[in-house]
Amino acid sequence: MYRDTRREHIVRLLRSREERSVSDLAEHFSVTKETIRADLTWLQKRGIVTRHHGGVSLKKHLMQSALFQHDYVDMSLLLKQQQRGISYLTSQDEKGRAMVGKVCILGSFNVDIVAKVHRFPRDGETLIARETTLGPGGKGANQALASYRAGAQIHFACKVGRDQFNLFARNHIESVGMSSFTLYETDNAATGCAVIYVNDEGENMIAISPGANHELTDGDIAQLSHFIAESDVFVVQMENNLSATQLALKCAKELQITTILNPAPWSPDVASLLSFADIVTPNETEAAAMSGVQVHDIPTAMQAATHINNAGQCAVIITMGKQGALIFDGQNYSHIPAFSAVAVDTTGAGDAFNGALAASLAKGESLVRSAWYASAFASLAVEQEGAANMPDDSLVAARMKQQNVAIQTL
């Protein structure tokens, strides 16, 4: 449930019963006590509730009797109260940023174990690593963070094992500010994990264990359908089991929610998902696999985009690194040249692009302008080390103004 909706429901619950405990509310909404305490602090600051030891009650004043009747929130009266200086359930995050548009992302969470070595070990050889780090990863988690940093209200759903990395996942999601999320758990598999070697030349070797990411059930998706229905844009990738991904996309499509399919990592199963996607966002390699056209420049990207559109009747955005991005909406082609960047780590560039694209679309921007914004966002993301490091929206606006990269109609 999105944070604003949850807070609204808290008030409704308090009208049905005068007092609730933090534990009761946390269990009711399937979130942590810390999340509920943050909600209650927010409501208390706005004069809506009164907190006391272990619980909360509705503050008695005229606004409640005017705004809340028969378990219904009268938004027209609410707006009048806001104009008179009373702020209630506005779309802002805890730092006070305006949050516009709702994005729901179903995806993966992985724990990345990165060992930096001078060279890769040979068969049977043990090497001493220069440095080893443990960090959050997974395309879903990275895209959710990017969308959140780009100013969207975000709900992120993933599945983890009941193991030592379970709390690590929860702490990461909460620490970056995403207070609305669904963390499914399973005893059948461990939390997804990637073991990564990086040598002095920056080359890497990666082994991924999908683990719980491949354990999503139809029941999980049924529970998620409420959040999908509330969203403006719904996003999936290919790091979860196909059956769950397809069911979630189908649900969003039937609800007429804008759907984005990021076909990464590439799998032939992508073909079975295209009919449920409004927008598909392959890179050059993925576009070639989907279309049979080797993509190496703008003309070949246009050919590939046409093939993909014909196969799925979906808009296509092909990300091309230093060559920018090619957009085909089924009628018109557009090209966005790459924004200049001092690249430090390009690992999360695609995730940054997709998350920012979803956020911009959710705000009501056009496909081309959203891709333009996402390109600027991704150019800033590659200047930071680590796929989970994403820029803030204010930096993106500054880059777009400074570089003045123009959208080209082909």
Protein backbone atom coordinates (compact mmCIF):
# COMPACT_ATOMS: atom_id res chain seq x y z
CA MET A 1 0.00 0.00 0.00
CA TYR A 2 1.28 3.46 -0.84
CA ARG A 3 2.24 5.59 2.12
CA ASP A 4 -0.45 8.24 1.56
CA THR A 5 -3.14 5.57 1.25
CA ARG A 6 -1.89 3.78 4.37
CA ARG A 7 -2.01 7.00 6.38
CA GLU A 8 -5.54 7.65 5.17
CA HIS A 9 -6.53 4.13 6.22
CA ILE A 10 -4.94 4.63 9.65
CA VAL A 11 -7.25 7.59 10.21
CA ARG A 12 -10.24 5.52 9.11
CA LEU A 13 -9.29 2.74 11.54
CA LEU A 14 -9.03 5.25 14.36
CA ARG A 15 -12.54 6.45 13.60
CA SER A 16 -13.86 2.89 13.92
CA ARG A 17 -11.96 2.32 17.16
CA GLU A 18 -10.79 5.21 19.28
CA GLU A 19 -7.36 3.81 20.07
CA ARG A 20 -4.88 1.56 18.29
CA SER A 21 -1.47 0.24 19.27
CA VAL A 22 1.62 0.49 17.09
CA SER A 23 1.86 -3.32 17.03
CA ASP A 24 -1.77 -3.64 15.97
CA LEU A 25 -1.32 -1.19 13.09
CA ALA A 26 1.96 -2.78 11.97
CA GLU A 27 0.29 -6.19 11.80
CA HIS A 28 -2.78 -4.81 10.05
CA PHE A 29 -0.76 -3.16 7.25
CA SER A 30 2.01 -5.82 7.13
CA VAL A 31 4.75 -3.24 7.70
CA THR A 32 7.32 -2.67 10.43
CA LYS A 33 6.63 -0.83 13.66
CA GLU A 34 9.21 1.75 12.55
CA THR A 35 7.14 2.47 9.44
CA ILE A 36 3.97 2.92 11.53
CA ARG A 37 5.81 5.18 13.97
CA ALA A 38 6.94 7.34 11.05
CA ASP A 39 3.33 7.53 9.82
CA LEU A 40 2.07 8.49 13.27
CA THR A 41 4.75 11.14 13.68
CA TRP A 42 3.74 12.60 10.32
CA LEU A 43 0.04 12.62 11.27
CA GLN A 44 0.76 14.08 14.71
CA LYS A 45 2.73 16.98 13.23
CA ARG A 46 -0.33 17.84 11.15
CA GLY A 47 -2.68 17.80 14.13
CA ILE A 48 -4.54 14.67 13.05
CA VAL A 49 -3.67 12.24 15.86
CA THR A 50 -2.48 12.21 19.45
CA ARG A 51 0.29 9.76 20.35
CA HIS A 52 0.70 8.18 23.74
CA HIS A 53 2.67 5.29 25.18
CA GLY A 54 2.46 2.37 22.77
CA GLY A 55 -0.43 3.71 20.77
CA VAL A 56 -2.37 6.48 19.09
CA SER A 57 -5.84 8.01 18.98
CA LEU A 58 -7.61 10.44 16.70
CA LYS A 59 -7.33 14.06 17.79
CA LYS A 60 -10.74 15.54 18.43
CA HIS A 61 -11.26 18.76 16.51
CA LEU A 62 -13.62 20.18 13.94
CA MET A 63 -11.65 19.03 10.91
CA GLN A 64 -12.39 15.37 11.51
CA SER A 65 -16.14 15.80 11.79
CA ALA A 66 -16.14 17.83 8.57
CA LEU A 67 -13.78 15.61 6.58
CA PHE A 68 -14.49 12.08 7.71
CA GLN A 69 -18.01 10.76 7.62
CA HIS A 70 -19.19 7.20 7.07
CA ASP A 71 -15.60 6.01 6.51
CA TYR A 72 -15.20 8.40 3.56
CA VAL A 73 -12.62 11.12 3.07
CA ASP A 74 -14.13 14.28 1.57
CA MET A 75 -11.21 15.49 -0.56
CA SER A 76 -12.92 18.75 -1.58
CA LEU A 77 -13.20 19.80 2.06
CA LEU A 78 -9.67 18.58 2.61
CA LEU A 79 -8.37 20.88 -0.11
CA LYS A 80 -10.19 23.82 1.45
CA GLN A 81 -8.53 23.05 4.77
CA GLN A 82 -5.14 22.85 3.05
CA GLN A 83 -5.70 26.28 1.52
CA ARG A 84 -6.29 27.56 5.05
CA GLY A 85 -2.94 26.21 6.14
CA ILE A 86 -3.77 22.66 7.19
CA SER A 87 -1.63 20.09 5.38
CA TYR A 88 -2.97 16.56 5.41
CA LEU A 89 -1.86 13.52 3.44
CA THR A 90 0.00 15.57 0.86
CA SER A 91 2.29 13.74 -1.52
CA GLN A 92 5.64 14.53 0.02
CA ASP A 93 8.41 12.31 1.26
CA GLU A 94 10.00 12.66 4.69
CA LYS A 95 12.52 15.19 3.29
CA GLY A 96 9.71 17.43 2.08
CA ARG A 97 10.13 16.80 -1.65
CA ALA A 98 7.03 16.90 -3.80
CA MET A 99 6.19 13.37 -4.94
CA VAL A 100 4.12 13.18 -8.12
CA GLY A 101 2.86 10.03 -9.85
CA LYS A 102 2.73 6.47 -8.54
CA VAL A 103 5.02 3.70 -9.76
CA CYS A 104 4.73 0.03 -8.78
CA ILE A 105 7.75 -2.18 -9.48
CA LEU A 106 7.83 -5.96 -9.20
CA GLY A 107 11.39 -7.19 -9.35
CA SER A 108 14.42 -8.80 -7.84
CA PHE A 109 16.46 -8.15 -4.75
CA ASN A 110 19.97 -9.58 -4.68
CA VAL A 111 22.83 -9.31 -2.25
CA ASP A 112 25.96 -8.44 -4.23
CA ILE A 113 29.21 -9.86 -2.84
CA VAL A 114 32.01 -8.09 -4.70
CA ALA A 115 35.65 -9.17 -4.43
CA LYS A 116 38.26 -6.89 -6.04
CA VAL A 117 41.28 -8.89 -7.19
CA HIS A 118 44.41 -8.08 -9.20
CA ARG A 119 43.54 -10.93 -11.58
CA PHE A 120 41.00 -13.71 -11.80
CA PRO A 121 41.89 -16.96 -10.01
CA ARG A 122 42.93 -19.95 -12.09
CA ASP A 123 41.36 -23.38 -11.67
CA GLY A 124 41.92 -24.60 -8.13
CA GLU A 125 43.72 -21.40 -7.11
CA THR A 126 43.01 -19.29 -4.03
CA LEU A 127 43.73 -15.55 -4.22
CA ILE A 128 43.66 -12.82 -1.62
CA ALA A 129 41.21 -10.08 -2.57
CA ARG A 130 42.23 -6.43 -2.20
CA GLU A 131 38.77 -5.56 -0.97
CA THR A 132 35.43 -7.28 -0.45
CA THR A 133 32.11 -5.48 -0.17
CA LEU A 134 28.57 -6.56 0.56
CA GLY A 135 25.84 -4.44 -0.98
CA PRO A 136 22.26 -4.36 -2.25
CA GLY A 137 21.48 -5.19 -5.86
CA GLY A 138 18.97 -6.70 -8.22
CA LYS A 139 17.33 -4.92 -11.14
CA GLY A 140 14.04 -4.48 -9.34
CA ALA A 141 15.58 -2.90 -6.25
CA ASN A 142 17.82 -0.63 -8.31
CA GLN A 143 14.97 0.54 -10.56
CA ALA A 144 12.73 1.18 -7.57
CA LEU A 145 15.40 3.35 -5.96
CA ALA A 146 15.92 5.25 -9.22
CA SER A 147 12.19 5.87 -9.57
CA TYR A 148 11.97 7.07 -5.97
CA ARG A 149 14.94 9.43 -6.39
CA ALA A 150 13.33 10.74 -9.58
CA GLY A 151 10.38 11.94 -7.52
CA ALA A 152 7.75 9.20 -7.85
CA GLN A 153 5.70 7.62 -5.11
CA ILE A 154 7.04 4.09 -5.28
CA HIS A 155 5.80 0.70 -4.18
CA PHE A 156 8.42 -2.04 -4.58
CA ALA A 157 7.63 -5.75 -4.32
CA CYS A 158 10.18 -8.56 -4.15
CA LYS A 159 10.72 -11.93 -2.49
CA VAL A 160 13.52 -12.95 -0.13
CA GLY A 161 14.41 -16.05 1.86
CA ARG A 162 14.07 -16.43 5.60
CA ASP A 163 17.82 -16.22 6.09
CA GLN A 164 20.62 -13.93 7.23
CA PHE A 165 20.08 -11.59 4.25
CA ASN A 166 16.38 -11.05 4.97
CA LEU A 167 16.95 -8.20 7.39
CA PHE A 168 19.65 -6.78 5.09
CA ALA A 169 17.05 -6.41 2.32
CA ARG A 170 14.49 -4.77 4.60
CA ASN A 171 17.04 -2.39 6.11
CA HIS A 172 18.25 -1.30 2.66
CA ILE A 173 14.76 -0.59 1.35
CA GLU A 174 13.79 1.40 4.43
CA SER A 175 17.13 3.22 4.78
CA VAL A 176 16.93 4.76 1.30
CA GLY A 177 13.47 6.15 2.08
CA MET A 178 11.11 3.74 0.31
CA SER A 179 8.50 3.31 3.02
CA SER A 180 5.95 1.55 0.78
CA PHE A 181 7.03 -1.97 -0.14
CA THR A 182 5.99 -5.61 -0.06
CA LEU A 183 8.67 -8.04 1.08
CA TYR A 184 7.45 -11.57 0.46
CA GLU A 185 9.30 -14.36 2.27
CA THR A 186 9.87 -18.04 1.52
CA ASP A 187 11.42 -21.05 3.23
CA ASN A 188 11.98 -22.74 -0.13
CA ALA A 189 14.98 -20.69 -1.26
CA ALA A 190 17.64 -18.31 -0.04
CA THR A 191 17.67 -14.58 -0.76
CA GLY A 192 19.03 -13.91 -4.26
CA CYS A 193 22.78 -13.46 -4.36
CA ALA A 194 25.44 -12.42 -6.88
CA VAL A 195 29.12 -13.26 -6.39
CA ILE A 196 31.25 -10.85 -8.41
CA TYR A 197 34.99 -10.76 -9.10
CA VAL A 198 36.40 -7.49 -10.45
CA ASN A 199 40.02 -7.34 -11.66
CA ASP A 200 42.39 -4.38 -12.00
CA GLU A 201 41.23 -3.78 -15.58
CA GLY A 202 37.65 -3.38 -14.44
CA GLU A 203 36.59 -6.67 -16.02
CA ASN A 204 34.22 -8.83 -14.04
CA MET A 205 33.09 -12.41 -13.59
CA ILE A 206 29.64 -12.91 -12.10
CA ALA A 207 27.70 -15.88 -10.79
CA ILE A 208 24.08 -15.27 -9.79
CA SER A 209 21.85 -17.44 -7.65
CA PRO A 210 18.25 -16.23 -8.22
CA GLY A 211 17.01 -17.94 -5.09
CA ALA A 212 13.78 -16.47 -3.75
CA ASN A 213 13.42 -14.20 -6.79
CA HIS A 214 12.15 -17.28 -8.67
CA GLU A 215 9.66 -18.27 -5.97
CA LEU A 216 6.89 -15.72 -6.55
CA THR A 217 3.45 -17.34 -6.53
CA ASP A 218 0.07 -16.52 -8.04
CA GLY A 219 -1.05 -15.68 -4.52
CA ASP A 220 1.76 -13.14 -4.19
CA ILE A 221 0.63 -11.43 -7.38
CA ALA A 222 -3.00 -11.48 -6.23
CA GLN A 223 -1.94 -9.63 -3.07
CA LEU A 224 0.04 -7.16 -5.17
CA SER A 225 -2.91 -6.39 -7.47
CA HIS A 226 -4.15 -3.67 -5.12
CA PHE A 227 -0.88 -1.78 -5.43
CA ILE A 228 -0.81 -2.30 -9.19
CA ALA A 229 -4.32 -0.85 -9.43
CA GLU A 230 -3.27 2.26 -7.48
CA SER A 231 -0.26 2.95 -9.71
CA ASP A 232 0.14 5.05 -12.84
CA VAL A 233 3.01 2.93 -14.18
CA PHE A 234 3.91 -0.72 -13.53
CA VAL A 235 7.42 -2.08 -14.22
CA VAL A 236 8.88 -5.60 -14.48
CA GLN A 237 12.17 -7.14 -15.58
CA MET A 238 13.27 -10.73 -16.28
CA GLU A 239 14.89 -11.65 -12.94
CA ASN A 240 11.73 -13.24 -11.49
CA ASN A 241 10.00 -16.47 -12.51
CA LEU A 242 8.15 -16.10 -15.80
CA SER A 243 4.73 -17.22 -14.57
CA ALA A 244 4.56 -14.51 -11.90
CA THR A 245 5.92 -11.82 -14.20
CA GLN A 246 3.38 -12.67 -16.89
CA LEU A 247 0.48 -12.75 -14.43
CA ALA A 248 1.45 -9.38 -12.96
CA LEU A 249 1.79 -7.78 -16.40
CA LYS A 250 -1.56 -9.22 -17.47
CA CYS A 251 -3.18 -7.84 -14.32
CA ALA A 252 -1.77 -4.35 -14.96
CA LYS A 253 -2.82 -4.47 -18.61
CA GLU A 254 -6.40 -5.40 -17.71
CA LEU A 255 -6.46 -2.54 -15.21
CA GLN A 256 -5.28 -0.20 -18.02
CA ILE A 257 -2.11 0.71 -16.12
CA THR A 258 0.85 1.74 -18.28
CA THR A 259 3.27 -1.20 -18.33
CA ILE A 260 7.03 -1.21 -18.88
CA LEU A 261 8.92 -4.41 -19.66
CA ASN A 262 12.69 -4.22 -19.25
CA PRO A 263 13.79 -7.42 -21.07
CA ALA A 264 16.91 -7.96 -18.99
CA PRO A 265 18.55 -10.33 -18.54
CA TRP A 266 17.61 -11.51 -22.01
CA SER A 267 15.59 -14.71 -22.34
CA PRO A 268 13.53 -16.09 -25.23
CA ASP A 269 10.60 -15.96 -22.79
CA VAL A 270 10.42 -12.21 -23.45
CA ALA A 271 8.38 -12.97 -26.57
CA SER A 272 5.49 -14.29 -24.46
CA LEU A 273 5.33 -11.01 -22.51
CA LEU A 274 5.33 -8.45 -25.33
CA SER A 275 1.57 -8.43 -25.81
CA PHE A 276 1.14 -7.26 -22.19
CA ALA A 277 3.72 -4.46 -22.42
CA ASP A 278 2.97 -0.89 -23.45
CA ILE A 279 6.68 -0.02 -23.53
CA VAL A 280 9.69 -2.30 -23.90
CA THR A 281 13.21 -1.05 -23.11
CA PRO A 282 15.98 -3.29 -24.49
CA ASN A 283 19.62 -2.34 -24.86
CA GLU A 284 21.46 -2.99 -28.14
CA THR A 285 22.20 -6.64 -27.35
CA GLU A 286 18.67 -7.39 -26.19
CA ALA A 287 17.15 -5.55 -29.16
CA ALA A 288 19.26 -7.66 -31.52
CA ALA A 289 18.11 -10.87 -29.83
CA MET A 290 14.47 -9.78 -30.01
CA SER A 291 14.53 -8.60 -33.63
CA GLY A 292 17.27 -10.52 -35.41
CA VAL A 293 18.83 -7.18 -36.43
CA GLN A 294 22.36 -6.46 -35.23
CA VAL A 295 22.16 -3.01 -33.66
CA HIS A 296 25.27 -0.87 -34.08
CA ASP A 297 23.96 2.55 -35.13
CA ILE A 298 20.75 4.58 -35.40
CA PRO A 299 19.52 3.11 -38.74
CA THR A 300 19.88 -0.47 -37.47
CA ALA A 301 18.24 0.52 -34.19
CA MET A 302 15.28 1.85 -36.19
CA GLN A 303 15.01 -1.47 -38.02
CA ALA A 304 15.15 -3.43 -34.77
CA ALA A 305 12.55 -1.19 -33.12
CA THR A 306 10.19 -1.72 -36.06
CA HIS A 307 10.50 -5.52 -35.78
CA ILE A 308 9.85 -5.42 -32.02
CA ASN A 309 6.87 -3.13 -32.44
CA ASN A 310 5.39 -5.41 -35.08
CA ALA A 311 5.79 -8.39 -32.76
CA GLY A 312 4.16 -6.82 -29.72
CA GLN A 313 2.38 -3.62 -30.79
CA CYS A 314 4.33 -1.82 -28.06
CA ALA A 315 6.43 1.32 -27.98
CA VAL A 316 10.16 0.62 -28.07
CA ILE A 317 13.08 2.45 -26.47
CA ILE A 318 16.50 1.06 -27.34
CA THR A 319 19.27 2.30 -25.03
CA MET A 320 22.57 2.53 -26.89
CA GLY A 321 25.16 3.78 -24.42
CA LYS A 322 27.28 6.53 -25.94
CA GLN A 323 24.95 6.66 -28.95
CA GLY A 324 22.02 7.69 -26.77
CA ALA A 325 18.52 6.25 -27.06
CA LEU A 326 16.21 5.47 -30.00
CA ILE A 327 12.44 5.77 -29.42
CA PHE A 328 9.71 4.36 -31.67
CA ASP A 329 6.09 4.83 -30.61
CA GLY A 330 4.63 2.85 -33.50
CA GLN A 331 4.46 5.87 -35.80
CA ASN A 332 7.38 8.21 -35.15
CA TYR A 333 11.08 7.71 -34.47
CA SER A 334 13.03 9.98 -32.14
CA HIS A 335 16.67 10.00 -31.10
CA ILE A 336 18.11 11.38 -27.89
CA PRO A 337 21.89 11.89 -28.05
CA ALA A 338 23.82 10.77 -24.99
CA PHE A 339 24.43 13.26 -22.20
CA SER A 340 28.11 13.77 -21.44
CA ALA A 341 29.28 11.98 -18.31
CA VAL A 342 32.49 11.02 -16.54
CA ALA A 343 31.72 7.32 -16.21
CA VAL A 344 32.89 5.61 -13.03
CA ASP A 345 30.59 2.58 -12.98
CA THR A 346 28.13 1.78 -15.78
CA THR A 347 26.67 -1.29 -14.05
CA GLY A 348 23.42 0.38 -13.05
CA ALA A 349 22.90 2.60 -16.10
CA GLY A 350 20.01 0.56 -17.49
CA ASP A 351 18.29 0.34 -14.12
CA ALA A 352 18.69 4.10 -13.62
CA PHE A 353 17.15 4.74 -17.04
CA ASN A 354 14.15 2.47 -16.48
CA GLY A 355 13.37 3.76 -13.01
CA ALA A 356 13.59 7.39 -14.09
CA LEU A 357 11.54 6.68 -17.23
CA ALA A 358 8.73 5.21 -15.12
CA ALA A 359 8.80 8.17 -12.72
CA SER A 360 8.59 10.72 -15.53
CA LEU A 361 5.75 8.87 -17.27
CA ALA A 362 3.87 8.66 -13.97
CA LYS A 363 4.14 12.44 -13.68
CA GLY A 364 2.29 12.74 -17.00
CA GLU A 365 5.21 13.48 -19.33
CA SER A 366 5.21 12.14 -22.90
CA LEU A 367 7.18 9.04 -23.87
CA VAL A 368 9.89 11.03 -25.66
CA ARG A 369 10.32 13.64 -22.93
CA SER A 370 10.38 10.88 -20.31
CA ALA A 371 13.15 9.11 -22.21
CA TRP A 372 15.01 12.43 -22.44
CA TYR A 373 14.77 12.86 -18.68
CA ALA A 374 15.78 9.23 -18.08
CA SER A 375 18.86 9.68 -20.28
CA ALA A 376 20.00 12.63 -18.18
CA PHE A 377 19.28 10.69 -14.98
CA ALA A 378 21.31 7.68 -16.17
CA SER A 379 24.24 9.92 -17.16
CA LEU A 380 24.48 11.05 -13.54
CA ALA A 381 24.08 7.52 -12.18
CA VAL A 382 27.17 6.24 -14.03
CA GLU A 383 29.28 8.92 -12.35
CA GLN A 384 28.78 7.15 -9.01
CA GLU A 385 30.22 3.81 -7.94
CA GLY A 386 27.75 1.03 -7.31
CA ALA A 387 24.58 0.09 -9.17
CA ALA A 388 22.44 1.08 -6.18
CA ASN A 389 23.68 4.69 -6.09
CA MET A 390 21.21 6.98 -7.80
CA PRO A 391 21.12 10.79 -8.21
CA ASP A 392 18.44 13.14 -6.93
CA ASP A 393 15.92 14.80 -9.21
CA SER A 394 17.41 18.28 -8.61
CA LEU A 395 20.75 17.21 -10.09
CA VAL A 396 19.01 15.87 -13.19
CA ALA A 397 17.27 19.18 -13.83
CA ALA A 398 20.61 20.97 -13.56
CA ARG A 399 22.29 18.59 -16.02
CA MET A 400 19.49 18.95 -18.57
CA LYS A 401 19.81 22.72 -18.37
CA GLN A 402 23.61 22.75 -18.56
CA GLN A 403 24.05 20.36 -21.48
CA ASN A 404 20.99 21.30 -23.53
CA VAL A 405 20.79 17.93 -25.30
CA ALA A 406 18.12 18.26 -27.99
CA ILE A 407 15.53 15.63 -28.92
CA GLN A 408 15.85 14.75 -32.60
CA THR A 409 12.86 13.68 -34.69
CA LEU A 410 13.93 11.24 -37.41
